[in-house]
Structures are given as C-alpha cells and as structure tokens.
C-alpha cells in the first residue's frame, strides 16, 4: 500500500481579512449568480441585543454606521415593487428549554439563550422601519432564517427566485441564512454595507467566503439600482 504524504498547501501571508476580501472582489474568479426576476429581502436579527451598543455592549456590533439606513431604503424599495420583506429575530422561552444543544455552550447573563421573548434584547431596534401590515415577521431559534420557519413556503408562494440577506452577524446568522438560501435553490445576494459583525476579521473573512462560494456580495446601491429598474 502506497503511503502518500503531502506538505501543507494552505496559503499563508500577511494580508488582513479586509485586504483579502478586496482582492477577491477586484479579481473575480467565478461568474455571479446575478439577480433573477423577483427578490425577497431577508433582514436577519435587527434586534436590540445585536444593534444597540449603548444598551448591550457585550453582544451588539456596528460595522457600518449607515447599515440600518441602507436596510430601510432597500426594504422600502422592495415593497414599492411588490417584493416581500422579511424580518427575523431570535429568542427563547423563559427556561431556555427550546435553545437545544446550542444553548449549552454558555450560561452567562449576556449569552444567546438568555434572550427571552418580549425582552429588551428581543425587541427590534426602533430605527428599523417595519411595515407590520405587509412584512413577514417571526422569531427563530437557530442561526438560519430557514431553519424550522415558514420562510421556505413563503418564498415559494411569492414566486421568489432571488434572496437578499442583510443583518448580523456576518459570520453567524447571515452566513447560515445565505448558505441555506443557496441550498434551497435561490440566487443569493449579500449587501456589503447591510451586514455587521463583532470584529473586522470575522466580518471580512466571511464576506470573502460568501463571495467565493455561496452568494454575490454587492454594494447596497447595486441592489437599489436593480430595484429601481424593475
């Protein structure tokens, strides 16, 4: 039996995650998925636990100070074209009994499974502009907006072929939602200014991965221009 042995081929250099992302964007190696004919905006977890460093500094994050402004503009533009807008947030019941194995990792007061229904941490950021008579709004309990939710059937009913993902975190629920979106057969898009994470390295490393494999990472203005052209 041949004993094969290979030296490590993982690339190592001194580039930052941001520099690698910018390099990938400047030199695309693969065709984009592109926009289809009908888009849905999936706004992931714009709740105070993650968007309000003034209230919850240990769990919140701000990458682009205009993130919510862009999300509101895109959501309004989508509604004006009769394209669905979805808002998710995460929370668990009082005893965290529905957090599953994910809830066993930590038990600190600021940990994930301690976001309770109807709490300040569960509440949507007051800056987000939700149309309660039109938008789909629901609470999820795992990273992906698709997991054990009504999202899949909702997108089928609305004849959607393209999913735009915004929210946080880039390395967590945004990535999980984008991967599931692609796996469900949707053209998947992430608006760069509309996602955020705790650290620049996590944010840009995952944007790079999404761009290379699972989604088109585009500028928010590109999405607005496409919606305006419909």
Foldseek 3Di string as FASTA:
>chain_A
DDDDDDDDDDDDDDDALQRLLVVCVVPPPDDAPDADDAEEEEEEAQACLADPCVVHVVHHWADFPCQLVLVQLLCVLNVVVVGAYEYEHAAAAPVLPVLPPVVVPDDDCSDDHNRHPPDNRRHHDPSHDDDVVGHHYYYDRAQAPPPPDCVVVVCVVVVGQEYEYFYDDLLTSRLNNQQVCVVSRHAYEYALSRHTDHDPRSNSNSSSVCCNPGHPYHHSVVSVVVSVVD
